[in-house]
N, C-alpha and C. Protein backbone atom coordinates (compact mmCIF):
# COMPACT_ATOMS: atom_id res chain seq x y z
N UNK A 1 0.84 -1.18 0.00
CA UNK A 1 0.00 0.00 0.00
C UNK A 1 0.89 1.24 0.00
N UNK A 2 0.62 2.13 -0.92
CA UNK A 2 1.42 3.34 -1.03
C UNK A 2 0.69 4.49 -0.33
N UNK A 3 1.40 5.18 0.57
CA UNK A 3 0.83 6.31 1.30
C UNK A 3 1.06 7.60 0.52
N UNK A 4 0.17 8.62 0.70
CA UNK A 4 0.38 9.90 0.01
C UNK A 4 1.71 10.52 0.46
N UNK A 5 2.30 11.23 -0.44
CA UNK A 5 3.58 11.87 -0.13
C UNK A 5 3.38 13.03 0.84
N UNK A 6 4.47 13.42 1.48
CA UNK A 6 4.42 14.57 2.40
C UNK A 6 4.04 15.84 1.65
N UNK A 7 4.51 15.97 0.44
CA UNK A 7 4.22 17.16 -0.35
C UNK A 7 2.71 17.32 -0.50
N UNK A 8 2.02 16.22 -0.76
CA UNK A 8 0.56 16.28 -0.90
C UNK A 8 -0.09 16.72 0.42
N UNK A 9 0.41 16.24 1.53
CA UNK A 9 -0.12 16.61 2.84
C UNK A 9 0.10 18.10 3.12
N UNK A 10 1.26 18.62 2.76
CA UNK A 10 1.54 20.04 2.95
C UNK A 10 0.62 20.88 2.09
N UNK A 11 0.44 20.49 0.83
CA UNK A 11 -0.45 21.23 -0.08
C UNK A 11 -1.88 21.22 0.46
N UNK A 12 -2.34 20.07 0.95
CA UNK A 12 -3.70 19.99 1.49
C UNK A 12 -3.86 20.86 2.73
N UNK A 13 -2.86 20.86 3.60
CA UNK A 13 -2.92 21.67 4.82
C UNK A 13 -2.95 23.15 4.48
N UNK A 14 -2.08 23.59 3.59
CA UNK A 14 -2.05 25.00 3.18
C UNK A 14 -3.37 25.40 2.54
N UNK A 15 -3.93 24.54 1.71
CA UNK A 15 -5.22 24.83 1.08
C UNK A 15 -6.33 24.96 2.10
N UNK A 16 -6.33 24.09 3.09
CA UNK A 16 -7.35 24.15 4.14
C UNK A 16 -7.22 25.43 4.95
N UNK A 17 -6.00 25.79 5.33
CA UNK A 17 -5.79 27.03 6.08
C UNK A 17 -6.21 28.25 5.28
N UNK A 18 -5.93 28.26 3.98
CA UNK A 18 -6.33 29.39 3.14
C UNK A 18 -7.85 29.49 3.06
N UNK A 19 -8.53 28.35 2.96
CA UNK A 19 -9.99 28.36 2.90
C UNK A 19 -10.59 28.88 4.20
N UNK A 20 -10.04 28.45 5.34
CA UNK A 20 -10.53 28.92 6.64
C UNK A 20 -10.30 30.42 6.78
N UNK A 21 -9.14 30.89 6.38
CA UNK A 21 -8.84 32.32 6.48
C UNK A 21 -9.78 33.14 5.62
N UNK A 22 -10.23 32.59 4.51
CA UNK A 22 -11.12 33.33 3.61
C UNK A 22 -12.51 33.49 4.20
N UNK A 23 -12.94 32.60 5.10
CA UNK A 23 -14.30 32.71 5.63
C UNK A 23 -14.36 33.17 7.07
N UNK A 24 -13.26 33.12 7.78
CA UNK A 24 -13.24 33.54 9.17
C UNK A 24 -12.93 35.03 9.26
N UNK A 25 -13.56 35.75 10.19
CA UNK A 25 -13.24 37.16 10.34
C UNK A 25 -11.80 37.32 10.81
N UNK A 26 -11.18 38.40 10.38
CA UNK A 26 -9.82 38.66 10.79
C UNK A 26 -9.81 39.73 11.86
N UNK A 27 -8.82 39.66 12.70
CA UNK A 27 -8.67 40.66 13.74
C UNK A 27 -7.61 41.64 13.26
N UNK A 28 -7.92 42.88 13.29
CA UNK A 28 -6.98 43.89 12.85
C UNK A 28 -7.20 45.16 13.61
N UNK A 29 -6.68 46.25 13.08
CA UNK A 29 -6.88 47.52 13.76
C UNK A 29 -8.37 47.89 13.76
N UNK A 30 -8.79 48.68 14.74
CA UNK A 30 -10.19 49.08 14.76
C UNK A 30 -10.52 49.88 13.50
N UNK A 31 -11.76 49.76 13.03
CA UNK A 31 -12.14 50.48 11.82
C UNK A 31 -12.16 51.99 12.05
N UNK A 32 -11.87 52.73 10.99
CA UNK A 32 -11.97 54.19 11.06
C UNK A 32 -13.45 54.55 11.00
N UNK A 33 -13.91 55.25 12.01
CA UNK A 33 -15.33 55.60 12.08
C UNK A 33 -15.50 57.02 11.58
N UNK A 34 -15.92 57.13 10.35
CA UNK A 34 -16.18 58.41 9.72
C UNK A 34 -17.56 58.41 9.12
N UNK A 35 -17.86 59.37 8.27
CA UNK A 35 -19.21 59.49 7.73
C UNK A 35 -19.54 58.45 6.65
N UNK A 36 -18.60 57.58 6.30
CA UNK A 36 -18.87 56.49 5.35
C UNK A 36 -18.81 55.13 6.03
N UNK A 37 -18.55 55.09 7.33
CA UNK A 37 -18.41 53.83 8.07
C UNK A 37 -19.72 53.04 8.05
N UNK A 38 -20.83 53.72 8.35
CA UNK A 38 -22.18 53.15 8.31
C UNK A 38 -23.04 54.16 7.58
N UNK A 39 -23.97 53.69 6.76
CA UNK A 39 -24.90 54.59 6.08
C UNK A 39 -26.33 54.21 6.43
N UNK A 40 -27.26 55.03 5.96
CA UNK A 40 -28.68 54.75 6.18
C UNK A 40 -29.09 53.44 5.52
N UNK A 41 -28.31 52.96 4.55
CA UNK A 41 -28.66 51.71 3.87
C UNK A 41 -28.02 50.48 4.50
N UNK A 42 -27.21 50.66 5.52
CA UNK A 42 -26.63 49.50 6.21
C UNK A 42 -27.76 48.73 6.88
N UNK A 43 -27.82 47.45 6.66
CA UNK A 43 -28.88 46.61 7.22
C UNK A 43 -29.01 46.79 8.73
N UNK A 44 -30.24 46.92 9.22
CA UNK A 44 -30.50 47.06 10.64
C UNK A 44 -30.43 48.49 11.15
N UNK A 45 -29.86 49.39 10.37
CA UNK A 45 -29.66 50.77 10.84
C UNK A 45 -30.98 51.47 11.10
N UNK A 46 -31.97 51.22 10.28
CA UNK A 46 -33.25 51.91 10.45
C UNK A 46 -34.02 51.44 11.68
N UNK A 47 -33.55 50.36 12.33
CA UNK A 47 -34.18 49.88 13.56
C UNK A 47 -33.61 50.52 14.81
N UNK A 48 -32.53 51.28 14.69
CA UNK A 48 -31.88 51.89 15.84
C UNK A 48 -32.54 53.23 16.15
N UNK A 49 -32.93 53.41 17.39
CA UNK A 49 -33.60 54.64 17.81
C UNK A 49 -32.68 55.47 18.69
N UNK A 50 -33.10 56.68 19.00
CA UNK A 50 -32.32 57.58 19.83
C UNK A 50 -31.96 56.97 21.17
N UNK A 51 -30.68 57.07 21.55
CA UNK A 51 -30.21 56.57 22.82
C UNK A 51 -29.87 55.09 22.83
N UNK A 52 -30.18 54.37 21.75
CA UNK A 52 -29.92 52.94 21.72
C UNK A 52 -28.47 52.65 21.30
N UNK A 53 -27.99 51.51 21.76
CA UNK A 53 -26.65 51.05 21.43
C UNK A 53 -26.72 49.99 20.33
N UNK A 54 -25.61 49.86 19.59
CA UNK A 54 -25.59 48.90 18.49
C UNK A 54 -24.16 48.51 18.15
N UNK A 55 -24.07 47.43 17.38
CA UNK A 55 -22.78 46.87 16.99
C UNK A 55 -22.17 47.62 15.83
N UNK A 56 -20.88 47.40 15.63
CA UNK A 56 -20.25 47.80 14.37
C UNK A 56 -20.82 46.89 13.29
N UNK A 57 -20.76 47.29 12.03
CA UNK A 57 -21.30 46.45 10.97
C UNK A 57 -20.50 45.15 10.81
N UNK A 58 -21.23 44.05 10.66
CA UNK A 58 -20.64 42.74 10.42
C UNK A 58 -21.49 42.01 9.39
N UNK A 59 -20.88 41.07 8.69
CA UNK A 59 -21.63 40.28 7.72
C UNK A 59 -22.51 39.28 8.45
N UNK A 60 -23.77 39.25 8.08
CA UNK A 60 -24.73 38.30 8.64
C UNK A 60 -25.06 37.26 7.58
N UNK A 61 -24.79 35.99 7.89
CA UNK A 61 -25.13 34.92 6.94
C UNK A 61 -26.63 34.81 6.76
N UNK A 62 -27.39 34.97 7.86
CA UNK A 62 -28.84 34.83 7.74
C UNK A 62 -29.46 35.96 6.93
N UNK A 63 -28.91 37.18 7.04
CA UNK A 63 -29.43 38.31 6.25
C UNK A 63 -28.75 38.40 4.89
N UNK A 64 -27.62 37.73 4.74
CA UNK A 64 -26.82 37.75 3.51
C UNK A 64 -26.40 39.16 3.13
N UNK A 65 -26.07 39.96 4.17
CA UNK A 65 -25.58 41.32 3.96
C UNK A 65 -24.88 41.81 5.21
N UNK A 66 -24.23 42.93 5.10
CA UNK A 66 -23.59 43.57 6.25
C UNK A 66 -24.69 44.27 7.05
N UNK A 67 -24.70 44.05 8.36
CA UNK A 67 -25.74 44.62 9.21
C UNK A 67 -25.15 45.16 10.50
N UNK A 68 -25.91 46.03 11.15
CA UNK A 68 -25.65 46.41 12.55
C UNK A 68 -26.76 45.78 13.36
N UNK A 69 -26.47 45.50 14.61
CA UNK A 69 -27.46 44.87 15.48
C UNK A 69 -27.63 45.70 16.76
N UNK A 70 -28.88 45.83 17.18
CA UNK A 70 -29.17 46.46 18.46
C UNK A 70 -28.47 45.66 19.54
N UNK A 71 -27.84 46.35 20.49
CA UNK A 71 -27.23 45.71 21.65
C UNK A 71 -27.63 46.52 22.88
N UNK A 72 -28.13 45.88 23.92
CA UNK A 72 -28.44 46.64 25.14
C UNK A 72 -27.17 47.34 25.64
N UNK A 73 -27.27 48.60 25.92
CA UNK A 73 -26.09 49.37 26.35
C UNK A 73 -25.42 48.74 27.56
N UNK A 74 -26.22 48.26 28.52
CA UNK A 74 -25.63 47.70 29.73
C UNK A 74 -24.88 46.38 29.48
N UNK A 75 -25.07 45.78 28.32
CA UNK A 75 -24.35 44.55 27.97
C UNK A 75 -23.05 44.85 27.22
N UNK A 76 -22.84 46.11 26.90
CA UNK A 76 -21.66 46.50 26.12
C UNK A 76 -22.01 46.62 24.66
N UNK A 77 -21.46 47.64 24.02
CA UNK A 77 -21.77 47.88 22.62
C UNK A 77 -20.64 48.69 21.98
N UNK A 78 -20.66 48.75 20.67
CA UNK A 78 -19.64 49.50 19.94
C UNK A 78 -20.01 50.97 19.78
N UNK A 79 -21.31 51.26 19.72
CA UNK A 79 -21.79 52.60 19.38
C UNK A 79 -23.08 52.90 20.13
N UNK A 80 -23.38 54.22 20.28
CA UNK A 80 -24.65 54.64 20.85
C UNK A 80 -25.14 55.88 20.11
N UNK A 81 -26.39 55.84 19.72
CA UNK A 81 -27.02 57.00 19.07
C UNK A 81 -27.27 58.07 20.13
N UNK A 82 -26.93 59.33 19.81
CA UNK A 82 -27.17 60.38 20.80
C UNK A 82 -27.90 61.59 20.24
N UNK A 83 -28.26 61.58 18.98
CA UNK A 83 -29.01 62.71 18.45
C UNK A 83 -29.31 62.54 16.97
N UNK A 84 -30.24 63.37 16.49
CA UNK A 84 -30.61 63.35 15.09
C UNK A 84 -30.65 64.78 14.57
N UNK A 85 -30.27 64.93 13.31
CA UNK A 85 -30.35 66.21 12.62
C UNK A 85 -31.23 66.03 11.39
N UNK A 86 -31.89 67.09 10.98
CA UNK A 86 -32.67 67.03 9.74
C UNK A 86 -32.05 68.00 8.75
N UNK A 87 -31.57 67.46 7.65
CA UNK A 87 -30.97 68.28 6.59
C UNK A 87 -32.08 68.94 5.77
N UNK A 88 -31.78 70.10 5.23
CA UNK A 88 -32.74 70.83 4.39
C UNK A 88 -32.93 70.10 3.07
N UNK A 89 -34.14 70.24 2.53
CA UNK A 89 -34.41 69.68 1.20
C UNK A 89 -33.53 70.36 0.17
N UNK A 90 -33.34 69.70 -0.92
CA UNK A 90 -32.53 70.24 -2.01
C UNK A 90 -31.92 69.10 -2.80
N UNK A 91 -31.10 69.46 -3.75
CA UNK A 91 -30.43 68.46 -4.57
C UNK A 91 -29.41 67.69 -3.72
N UNK A 92 -29.15 66.44 -4.09
CA UNK A 92 -28.15 65.62 -3.39
C UNK A 92 -26.78 66.27 -3.54
N UNK A 93 -26.13 66.53 -2.43
CA UNK A 93 -24.79 67.12 -2.41
C UNK A 93 -24.06 66.51 -1.21
N UNK A 94 -23.40 65.38 -1.45
CA UNK A 94 -22.78 64.66 -0.34
C UNK A 94 -21.77 65.50 0.43
N UNK A 95 -20.86 66.24 -0.23
CA UNK A 95 -19.91 67.04 0.56
C UNK A 95 -20.60 68.06 1.48
N UNK A 96 -21.63 68.72 0.98
CA UNK A 96 -22.36 69.69 1.81
C UNK A 96 -23.10 68.99 2.94
N UNK A 97 -23.68 67.82 2.65
CA UNK A 97 -24.39 67.06 3.67
C UNK A 97 -23.41 66.59 4.76
N UNK A 98 -22.25 66.11 4.35
CA UNK A 98 -21.25 65.66 5.33
C UNK A 98 -20.80 66.82 6.21
N UNK A 99 -20.57 67.97 5.62
CA UNK A 99 -20.17 69.15 6.40
C UNK A 99 -21.25 69.52 7.41
N UNK A 100 -22.51 69.56 6.96
CA UNK A 100 -23.64 69.84 7.85
C UNK A 100 -23.68 68.82 8.99
N UNK A 101 -23.51 67.55 8.67
CA UNK A 101 -23.61 66.48 9.66
C UNK A 101 -22.48 66.57 10.69
N UNK A 102 -21.25 66.76 10.24
CA UNK A 102 -20.13 66.85 11.18
C UNK A 102 -20.28 68.06 12.11
N UNK A 103 -20.70 69.21 11.55
CA UNK A 103 -20.87 70.40 12.38
C UNK A 103 -22.00 70.21 13.40
N UNK A 104 -23.13 69.69 12.92
CA UNK A 104 -24.28 69.50 13.81
C UNK A 104 -24.01 68.47 14.90
N UNK A 105 -23.45 67.34 14.52
CA UNK A 105 -23.15 66.30 15.52
C UNK A 105 -22.07 66.77 16.48
N UNK A 106 -21.10 67.54 15.99
CA UNK A 106 -20.06 68.08 16.88
C UNK A 106 -20.70 69.01 17.93
N UNK A 107 -21.65 69.84 17.49
CA UNK A 107 -22.34 70.72 18.44
C UNK A 107 -23.07 69.93 19.53
N UNK A 108 -23.82 68.90 19.12
CA UNK A 108 -24.51 68.04 20.10
C UNK A 108 -23.49 67.37 21.01
N UNK A 109 -22.42 66.85 20.44
CA UNK A 109 -21.39 66.14 21.20
C UNK A 109 -20.74 67.06 22.22
N UNK A 110 -20.34 68.24 21.79
CA UNK A 110 -19.66 69.18 22.69
C UNK A 110 -20.56 69.64 23.83
N UNK A 111 -21.87 69.74 23.60
CA UNK A 111 -22.79 70.11 24.68
C UNK A 111 -22.96 68.97 25.69
N UNK A 112 -22.94 67.74 25.23
CA UNK A 112 -23.13 66.59 26.12
C UNK A 112 -21.84 66.19 26.84
N UNK A 113 -20.72 66.26 26.13
CA UNK A 113 -19.42 65.85 26.67
C UNK A 113 -18.39 66.94 26.39
N UNK A 114 -18.46 68.07 27.11
CA UNK A 114 -17.57 69.19 26.81
C UNK A 114 -16.08 68.83 26.90
N UNK A 115 -15.73 67.87 27.74
CA UNK A 115 -14.32 67.47 27.85
C UNK A 115 -14.07 66.16 27.12
N UNK A 116 -15.01 65.75 26.28
CA UNK A 116 -14.93 64.47 25.56
C UNK A 116 -14.76 63.31 26.53
N UNK A 117 -15.36 63.48 27.71
CA UNK A 117 -15.29 62.47 28.76
C UNK A 117 -13.84 62.10 29.04
N UNK A 118 -13.02 63.13 29.20
CA UNK A 118 -11.61 62.90 29.47
C UNK A 118 -10.85 62.38 28.27
N UNK A 119 -11.37 62.60 27.09
CA UNK A 119 -10.72 62.15 25.87
C UNK A 119 -11.02 60.71 25.51
N UNK A 120 -11.95 60.07 26.22
CA UNK A 120 -12.22 58.65 25.95
C UNK A 120 -13.34 58.42 24.95
N UNK A 121 -14.06 59.48 24.56
CA UNK A 121 -15.17 59.33 23.63
C UNK A 121 -14.93 60.15 22.36
N UNK A 122 -15.55 59.70 21.29
CA UNK A 122 -15.53 60.45 20.03
C UNK A 122 -16.88 60.22 19.35
N UNK A 123 -17.08 60.82 18.19
CA UNK A 123 -18.37 60.72 17.52
C UNK A 123 -18.18 60.64 16.01
N UNK A 124 -19.25 60.26 15.33
CA UNK A 124 -19.32 60.30 13.87
C UNK A 124 -20.79 60.39 13.46
N UNK A 125 -21.06 60.93 12.27
CA UNK A 125 -22.43 60.98 11.78
C UNK A 125 -22.73 59.82 10.84
N UNK A 126 -23.99 59.43 10.80
CA UNK A 126 -24.47 58.46 9.81
C UNK A 126 -25.37 59.22 8.86
N UNK A 127 -24.99 59.23 7.59
CA UNK A 127 -25.66 60.04 6.57
C UNK A 127 -26.66 59.25 5.75
N UNK A 128 -27.65 59.96 5.18
CA UNK A 128 -28.44 59.33 4.12
C UNK A 128 -27.51 59.02 2.94
N UNK A 129 -27.92 58.11 2.11
CA UNK A 129 -27.19 57.85 0.86
C UNK A 129 -27.91 58.57 -0.28
N UNK A 130 -27.31 58.57 -1.43
CA UNK A 130 -27.97 59.20 -2.57
C UNK A 130 -29.33 58.56 -2.83
N UNK A 131 -29.42 57.24 -2.67
CA UNK A 131 -30.68 56.54 -2.89
C UNK A 131 -31.72 56.90 -1.83
N UNK A 132 -31.32 56.90 -0.54
CA UNK A 132 -32.30 57.22 0.50
C UNK A 132 -32.70 58.69 0.42
N UNK A 133 -31.77 59.54 -0.01
CA UNK A 133 -32.07 60.97 -0.20
C UNK A 133 -33.15 61.12 -1.28
N UNK A 134 -33.01 60.38 -2.36
CA UNK A 134 -34.00 60.43 -3.44
C UNK A 134 -35.37 59.96 -2.95
N UNK A 135 -35.37 59.09 -1.93
CA UNK A 135 -36.63 58.60 -1.35
C UNK A 135 -37.17 59.53 -0.26
N UNK A 136 -36.49 60.67 -0.02
CA UNK A 136 -36.98 61.65 0.95
C UNK A 136 -36.30 61.63 2.30
N UNK A 137 -35.29 60.78 2.49
CA UNK A 137 -34.57 60.70 3.77
C UNK A 137 -33.68 61.92 3.94
N UNK A 138 -33.88 62.66 5.02
CA UNK A 138 -33.06 63.85 5.32
C UNK A 138 -32.47 63.75 6.73
N UNK A 139 -32.53 62.55 7.33
CA UNK A 139 -32.11 62.37 8.72
C UNK A 139 -30.66 61.94 8.84
N UNK A 140 -29.93 62.64 9.68
CA UNK A 140 -28.55 62.28 10.05
C UNK A 140 -28.59 61.79 11.49
N UNK A 141 -27.98 60.65 11.76
CA UNK A 141 -27.88 60.14 13.12
C UNK A 141 -26.48 60.48 13.65
N UNK A 142 -26.42 60.99 14.88
CA UNK A 142 -25.15 61.27 15.54
C UNK A 142 -24.84 60.10 16.48
N UNK A 143 -23.61 59.60 16.42
CA UNK A 143 -23.23 58.40 17.16
C UNK A 143 -21.98 58.66 17.99
N UNK A 144 -22.00 58.21 19.23
CA UNK A 144 -20.85 58.30 20.12
C UNK A 144 -20.24 56.91 20.26
N UNK A 145 -18.93 56.85 20.41
CA UNK A 145 -18.24 55.58 20.59
C UNK A 145 -16.95 55.80 21.38
N UNK A 146 -16.35 54.73 21.79
CA UNK A 146 -15.08 54.78 22.52
C UNK A 146 -13.99 54.27 21.57
N UNK A 147 -13.07 55.14 21.13
CA UNK A 147 -12.06 54.71 20.15
C UNK A 147 -11.17 53.57 20.63
N UNK A 148 -10.97 53.42 21.93
CA UNK A 148 -10.06 52.39 22.43
C UNK A 148 -10.79 51.22 23.08
N UNK A 149 -12.00 50.95 22.65
CA UNK A 149 -12.73 49.82 23.22
C UNK A 149 -14.22 50.00 23.11
N UNK A 150 -14.94 49.06 23.65
CA UNK A 150 -16.39 49.09 23.58
C UNK A 150 -16.97 49.95 24.72
N UNK A 151 -18.17 50.43 24.52
CA UNK A 151 -18.91 51.09 25.58
C UNK A 151 -19.34 50.00 26.56
N UNK A 152 -19.28 50.28 27.84
CA UNK A 152 -19.67 49.28 28.84
C UNK A 152 -21.04 49.54 29.41
N UNK A 153 -21.64 50.66 29.04
CA UNK A 153 -22.98 51.02 29.50
C UNK A 153 -23.37 52.24 28.66
N UNK A 154 -24.55 52.77 28.88
CA UNK A 154 -24.93 54.01 28.20
C UNK A 154 -23.96 55.12 28.63
N UNK A 155 -23.55 55.92 27.67
CA UNK A 155 -22.66 57.05 28.00
C UNK A 155 -23.41 58.38 27.94
N UNK A 156 -24.73 58.32 27.71
CA UNK A 156 -25.49 59.56 27.67
C UNK A 156 -25.52 60.19 29.05
N UNK A 157 -25.21 61.49 29.13
CA UNK A 157 -25.23 62.16 30.44
C UNK A 157 -26.63 62.18 31.02
N UNK A 158 -26.72 62.08 32.32
CA UNK A 158 -28.01 62.21 32.99
C UNK A 158 -28.45 63.66 32.92
N UNK A 159 -29.71 63.88 32.77
CA UNK A 159 -30.20 65.27 32.67
C UNK A 159 -30.51 65.81 34.01
């Protein structure tokens, strides 16, 4: 009986590892959270309400798309909604919309966390897309997050 050669075993092992790497999530640096990180068209985003916490976007096999998921703030989360802005009607102009969103969310953020909670919090806006804009969406969501880790509870200041 002739056994397979070692070369064949090495090729099979390398092929298996490559296949696993292609389907398993990789761990790397945290994603840059800017105005293109999540959009109004990201799956699950329209289910998030003011003050609620949610995950960073991940691929969902059951939804067959990239989605965000509601997460109870007290259980830990990547992000928390802290305000909404309404953009004026008009033609789609992404640069102008992004400028409006960053300025408006910064104003809300600075009023809630004037010292940025000791530098541990930051924010980003979630914008309508050209498609949702055409459908009448003018809502910008303002989101707070912790750049060096997850939120461990709600970070909204008590009133």
